[in-house]
Structure formats: structure tokens, C-alpha cells
Protein backbone atom coordinates (compact mmCIF):
# COMPACT_ATOMS: atom_id res chain seq x y z
CA MET A 1 -13.03 15.77 0.37
CA THR A 2 -13.64 19.27 -1.46
CA SER A 3 -15.72 19.70 -4.59
CA GLN A 4 -12.94 19.92 -7.21
CA GLN A 5 -12.42 16.03 -6.35
CA PRO A 6 -13.25 13.24 -9.17
CA PRO A 7 -16.90 11.49 -7.98
CA LEU A 8 -16.55 8.93 -5.22
CA TRP A 9 -16.88 6.12 -7.83
CA ARG A 10 -13.90 7.36 -10.21
CA ARG A 11 -11.69 7.44 -6.83
CA ALA A 12 -12.82 4.24 -6.37
CA VAL A 13 -12.28 2.67 -9.37
CA ALA A 14 -8.95 4.19 -9.22
CA GLU A 15 -7.92 2.46 -6.05
CA LEU A 16 -8.98 -0.69 -7.11
CA LEU A 17 -7.18 -0.65 -10.28
CA GLY A 18 -4.28 0.65 -8.65
CA THR A 19 -4.19 -1.89 -5.93
CA SER A 20 -4.64 -4.61 -8.20
CA LEU A 21 -2.06 -3.59 -10.77
CA LEU A 22 0.42 -3.51 -7.27
CA VAL A 23 -0.53 -6.68 -5.90
CA MET A 24 0.16 -8.31 -9.63
CA ILE A 25 3.40 -6.41 -9.82
CA VAL A 26 4.28 -8.15 -6.39
CA VAL A 27 2.92 -11.54 -6.95
CA GLY A 28 3.78 -11.54 -10.85
CA SER A 29 7.78 -10.57 -10.18
CA GLY A 30 7.84 -13.22 -7.70
CA ILE A 31 6.63 -15.80 -9.87
CA ALA A 32 8.71 -14.70 -12.33
CA ALA A 33 11.70 -14.25 -9.92
CA GLU A 34 11.23 -18.16 -8.70
CA ARG A 35 11.54 -19.47 -12.06
CA LEU A 36 14.61 -17.15 -13.13
CA SER A 37 16.39 -17.58 -10.15
CA PRO A 38 15.50 -20.94 -8.67
CA ASN A 39 18.14 -21.69 -6.15
CA ASP A 40 19.27 -18.02 -5.26
CA VAL A 41 16.37 -16.68 -2.72
CA GLY A 42 18.35 -13.51 -2.46
CA LEU A 43 18.53 -12.82 -6.19
CA GLN A 44 14.60 -13.50 -6.18
CA LEU A 45 14.09 -10.93 -3.47
CA LEU A 46 16.18 -8.27 -5.53
CA GLN A 47 14.12 -9.00 -8.44
CA ASN A 48 10.50 -8.85 -6.76
CA SER A 49 11.82 -5.49 -4.72
CA THR A 50 12.89 -4.20 -7.67
CA ALA A 51 9.81 -5.01 -9.89
CA THR A 52 8.03 -3.04 -7.31
CA VAL A 53 9.82 -0.09 -6.24
CA LEU A 54 9.22 0.52 -10.41
CA GLY A 55 5.73 -0.40 -10.68
CA LEU A 56 4.73 1.08 -7.76
CA THR A 57 6.17 4.56 -8.20
CA VAL A 58 4.28 4.39 -12.21
CA LEU A 59 0.95 3.80 -10.25
CA ILE A 60 1.62 7.07 -7.95
CA VAL A 61 2.32 8.90 -10.81
CA VAL A 62 -0.45 7.52 -13.32
CA LEU A 63 -3.37 7.14 -10.45
CA GLY A 64 -2.63 10.07 -8.02
CA PRO A 65 -4.20 12.93 -9.36
CA VAL A 66 -7.49 10.67 -9.61
CA SER A 67 -7.75 9.21 -5.93
CA GLY A 68 -4.25 10.00 -4.02
CA ALA A 69 -2.95 6.81 -4.67
CA HIS A 70 -3.55 5.13 -1.19
CA PHE A 71 -3.78 1.54 -2.28
CA ASN A 72 -3.46 0.77 1.49
CA PRO A 73 -6.52 0.68 4.21
CA VAL A 74 -4.24 1.94 6.69
CA VAL A 75 -3.06 5.08 4.42
CA SER A 76 -6.95 5.69 3.90
CA LEU A 77 -7.40 5.44 7.28
CA ALA A 78 -4.43 7.83 8.50
CA ASP A 79 -6.21 10.18 6.35
CA TRP A 80 -9.65 10.29 7.68
CA ILE A 81 -8.04 10.21 11.18
CA LEU A 82 -5.94 13.44 10.84
CA GLY A 83 -8.93 15.01 8.47
CA ARG A 84 -11.39 14.85 11.53
CA ARG A 85 -10.78 17.92 13.07
CA ARG A 86 -10.63 19.97 10.15
CA GLY A 87 -13.08 18.59 7.74
CA THR A 88 -10.60 17.43 5.67
CA GLY A 89 -9.10 14.07 3.75
CA LEU A 90 -11.55 11.68 3.39
CA THR A 91 -15.01 11.26 4.87
CA LEU A 92 -16.62 7.78 6.41
CA GLN A 93 -18.40 6.96 3.00
CA ASP A 94 -15.25 7.59 1.55
CA LEU A 95 -12.96 5.29 3.33
CA GLY A 96 -15.06 2.59 3.56
CA THR A 97 -15.27 2.81 -0.38
CA TYR A 98 -11.87 2.94 -0.17
CA ILE A 99 -10.90 0.05 1.66
CA VAL A 100 -13.30 -2.20 0.02
CA ALA A 101 -12.05 -1.14 -3.73
CA GLN A 102 -8.31 -1.80 -2.21
CA THR A 103 -9.53 -5.41 -1.13
CA VAL A 104 -11.25 -6.51 -4.17
CA GLY A 105 -8.57 -4.81 -6.11
CA ALA A 106 -5.45 -7.05 -3.98
CA ILE A 107 -7.30 -10.33 -4.71
CA SER A 108 -7.85 -9.67 -8.01
CA GLY A 109 -4.55 -9.02 -8.45
CA SER A 110 -3.37 -12.10 -7.40
CA VAL A 111 -5.81 -13.96 -9.70
CA VAL A 112 -4.69 -12.45 -12.70
CA ALA A 113 -0.94 -12.60 -11.74
CA ASN A 114 -1.66 -16.51 -11.47
CA ALA A 115 -3.16 -16.97 -14.76
CA MET A 116 -0.56 -14.67 -16.26
CA PHE A 117 1.79 -17.05 -15.52
CA ASP A 118 -0.41 -20.58 -15.60
CA VAL A 119 -0.35 -20.91 -12.13
CA GLY A 120 -3.66 -22.05 -10.31
CA THR A 121 -5.00 -19.73 -7.62
CA SER A 122 -4.58 -21.40 -4.30
CA ILE A 123 -4.37 -20.97 -1.35
CA SER A 124 -0.70 -20.20 0.53
CA VAL A 125 0.78 -21.94 2.73
CA LYS A 126 3.55 -19.71 3.45
CA ASP A 127 3.67 -19.35 7.24
CA ARG A 128 5.35 -15.64 8.27
CA ALA A 129 3.62 -14.84 11.79
CA THR A 130 6.87 -15.06 13.36
CA THR A 131 7.60 -12.47 16.33
CA GLY A 132 10.22 -10.34 14.11
CA HIS A 133 8.13 -10.59 11.37
CA LEU A 134 5.13 -8.84 12.72
CA LEU A 135 7.86 -6.26 14.50
CA GLY A 136 8.86 -6.04 10.84
CA GLU A 137 5.68 -4.74 9.94
CA VAL A 138 5.18 -2.41 12.88
CA VAL A 139 8.23 -0.66 11.55
CA ALA A 140 7.35 -0.85 8.25
CA THR A 141 4.20 0.46 8.29
CA ALA A 142 4.83 3.28 11.04
CA GLY A 143 7.32 4.55 8.66
CA LEU A 144 5.16 4.52 5.56
CA VAL A 145 2.68 6.77 7.26
CA LEU A 146 5.22 9.11 8.81
CA LEU A 147 6.81 9.57 5.29
CA ILE A 148 3.49 9.88 3.20
CA PHE A 149 1.90 12.30 5.64
CA ALA A 150 5.06 14.37 6.21
CA LEU A 151 5.39 14.90 2.44
CA ALA A 152 2.10 16.18 2.24
CA ALA A 153 2.28 18.11 5.60
CA THR A 154 5.61 19.95 4.14
CA LYS A 155 4.04 20.75 0.97
CA ARG A 156 6.16 17.96 -0.98
CA GLY A 157 3.83 15.87 -2.19
CA VAL A 158 5.08 15.94 -5.47
CA LEU A 159 7.90 13.57 -3.94
CA ALA A 160 5.52 10.63 -2.95
CA ALA A 161 6.10 8.83 -5.68
CA PRO A 162 9.71 8.06 -5.72
CA ALA A 163 9.71 8.41 -2.15
CA VAL A 164 7.20 5.86 -1.53
CA GLY A 165 8.77 3.61 -4.05
CA ALA A 166 12.18 3.89 -2.93
CA TYR A 167 10.88 3.52 0.83
CA ILE A 168 8.96 0.27 0.01
CA GLY A 169 12.00 -0.89 -1.65
CA ALA A 170 14.41 -0.10 1.12
CA ALA A 171 11.96 -1.76 3.37
CA TYR A 172 11.86 -4.91 1.50
CA TRP A 173 15.53 -5.63 2.85
CA PHE A 174 15.54 -3.89 6.25
CA THR A 175 12.55 -5.63 7.45
CA SER A 176 12.27 -8.99 8.45
CA SER A 177 8.55 -9.30 6.76
CA THR A 178 10.00 -8.09 3.64
CA SER A 179 7.53 -4.87 4.32
CA PHE A 180 4.05 -5.94 3.50
CA ALA A 181 2.65 -2.67 5.31
CA ASN A 182 -0.87 -2.72 3.63
CA PRO A 183 -4.17 -4.85 4.86
CA ALA A 184 -5.34 -5.08 1.39
CA VAL A 185 -2.25 -6.43 -0.20
CA THR A 186 -2.08 -9.08 2.70
CA VAL A 187 -5.01 -10.13 2.32
CA GLY A 188 -4.64 -10.27 -1.43
CA ARG A 189 -1.36 -12.12 -1.50
CA ILE A 190 -3.29 -15.15 0.41
CA PHE A 191 -4.47 -16.17 -2.79
CA SER A 192 -1.45 -17.19 -4.64
CA ASP A 193 1.21 -20.39 -3.37
CA THR A 194 4.15 -18.62 -4.69
CA PHE A 195 6.89 -16.58 -3.89
CA ALA A 196 4.96 -13.79 -2.27
CA GLY A 197 2.02 -15.21 -0.63
CA ILE A 198 1.03 -15.56 3.24
CA ALA A 199 -0.78 -18.24 4.59
CA PRO A 200 -4.46 -17.31 6.09
CA ALA A 201 -3.36 -17.90 9.40
CA SER A 202 -0.30 -15.26 9.43
CA VAL A 203 -2.91 -12.56 8.12
CA PRO A 204 -4.46 -11.11 11.48
CA GLY A 205 -0.91 -10.76 13.18
CA PHE A 206 -0.03 -9.37 10.38
CA VAL A 207 -3.15 -6.63 10.05
CA MET A 208 -2.71 -6.17 13.45
CA ALA A 209 0.43 -4.87 13.06
CA GLN A 210 0.24 -2.84 10.43
CA LEU A 211 -2.57 -0.92 12.57
CA VAL A 212 -0.50 -0.85 15.26
CA GLY A 213 2.45 0.69 12.79
CA ALA A 214 0.21 3.18 11.66
CA ALA A 215 -0.60 4.22 15.18
CA VAL A 216 2.97 4.89 15.93
CA GLY A 217 3.48 6.55 12.41
CA LEU A 218 0.64 8.87 13.29
CA GLY A 219 1.85 9.75 16.91
CA LEU A 220 5.00 10.67 15.36
CA LEU A 221 3.95 12.29 12.81
CA LEU A 222 2.03 14.89 15.61
CA MET A 223 4.81 15.23 17.24
CA LEU A 224 7.34 16.00 14.34
CA PHE A 225 4.65 17.90 12.58
CA PRO A 226 2.35 19.50 14.51
CA SER A 227 0.50 20.98 11.56
CA ALA A 228 -0.17 17.78 9.50
CA ALA A 229 -3.86 17.65 10.22
CA ARG A 230 -4.68 20.36 7.87
CA SER A 231 -3.27 18.34 5.24
CA ALA A 232 -5.06 14.72 4.70
CA ASP A 233 -6.43 15.96 1.51
CA GLY A 234 -2.14 15.94 0.24
CA ALA A 235 -2.07 11.84 0.55
CA VAL A 236 -0.35 10.59 -1.14
CA VAL A 237 -0.46 12.71 -4.12
CA PRO A 238 -2.10 16.33 -3.75
CA HIS A 239 -5.19 15.96 -5.15
CA GLU A 240 -7.66 18.55 -3.80
CA GLU A 241 -7.04 20.76 -6.88
CA SER A 242 -6.84 17.97 -9.17
CA PRO A 243 -6.66 18.33 -13.12
CA VAL A 244 -9.15 15.52 -13.51
CA LYS A 245 -12.52 16.97 -13.91
CA ALA A 246 -15.25 15.32 -12.19
């Protein structure tokens, strides 16, 4: 990262807060959807996905200038991998800090969402790890990584907030897994036995599928945009010249 970046602790707080709020949005809107439309799963998914699209877009706009608004370990990992050739993007210390902050944030988001709706925090029993769901996670994550870093490589990072929000909203519907596409969010959703939850036994398969998807997305990125490694600092939101002073 460049010297113009906010200090690591501030970026870590932004990643923790952003991931926590993202999971609050996903889990909280899932609980609300169950209560508002108890007999219509399709309507529940529409309510859940709409809240996620809008909330994620806002979170990227607000926190992007501080940390880049990754909120996702596979995005941070891809940023680190792309930056190794040119010394851009996250350092190894940054990567570890981001992943810890994202995971802690995701768990806290579930706990707070449960508390807001007077639902006790408990381990989900919703089994999701079918072959179709795992393939869905590969596809969802590959598309997300390709989108984010293609925008950075083509200097269109200003579009990241609406584009990422729109993609995740679409992927809720066109993937069988409803597009978790995020290891930290996957872990966080263990702690809510509600519409948005996932059983612990399903998590290793989901995370592995997400890592495979990230690798596929990076492969496609470098095939289509060979100069992408020069733009690692632009993921998700360009922040190498952040207006937020250290």
C-alpha cells in the first residue's frame, strides 16, 4: 500500500465495521422477510436481496475511501496476489489484518442482527452444501472477482458501488446458493439459525468453492485484462489517493 493510505488500524476498523453491517443487513433482512412473508419463500428472497443490494452499495460508498471496502477475504486475497509483481495492493500484514477484521465483523453482525429482532444467537442447522450450491459459489465468486478487478484495471472504480451491488443482487437469483461469495460472511451466517443461516458442516465446502471461484476469476481477469496487476490498489474502490488523511 502507498504512504497516502490511512493507517492500517483505521482500515481494519473500516473493514470490521463494513463487514459487520453487511451481515446485519443480510441476516436482519432475512429475519424480517421471514416474519413479513412467512408462507412465500420467493418473496422472502426478494426482500432479502433488495436490502442487500441497497445496503452493500451504501457501505462501499461510505467506507471505500478508507479501506477500499473489500468486506471479503477473497477480494483481499486477490488484491494481495495481484500486487505481488509490482509491489501494489495489500501487504501480507495488511492481508492478515483485513481477514481477521472481516471475520470478526461478520460474526458480530449476526449477533447484533439476532439481538435487534429478539432472536437468540444460535448455530444454524440450514444445510446448503449440495453439488449445485457449491457450483453456484464458484460461479458467484468468480464473477465478483472479475467484476471488481476489471473495474480497477479499466479505471472505472467509481462504478464499483452500484456495479457490485447490482451483481450481488442478480447473483442472489441466478445462483443456486444465493451467492454468499464471501468466506467471512459465510462464517458469520453460522451464528443465526434463521432464513440467512448456514450450518457449520456446509461452511468448509462453501469456503473451498469460493477460493476456487476466486482463482477462476483471477484467471479470467489476467486473460482479459493483462495489465490488471498494476491496479491492485483500486479494489474495490480506488483509495491510493484517499481524501481521508492518516
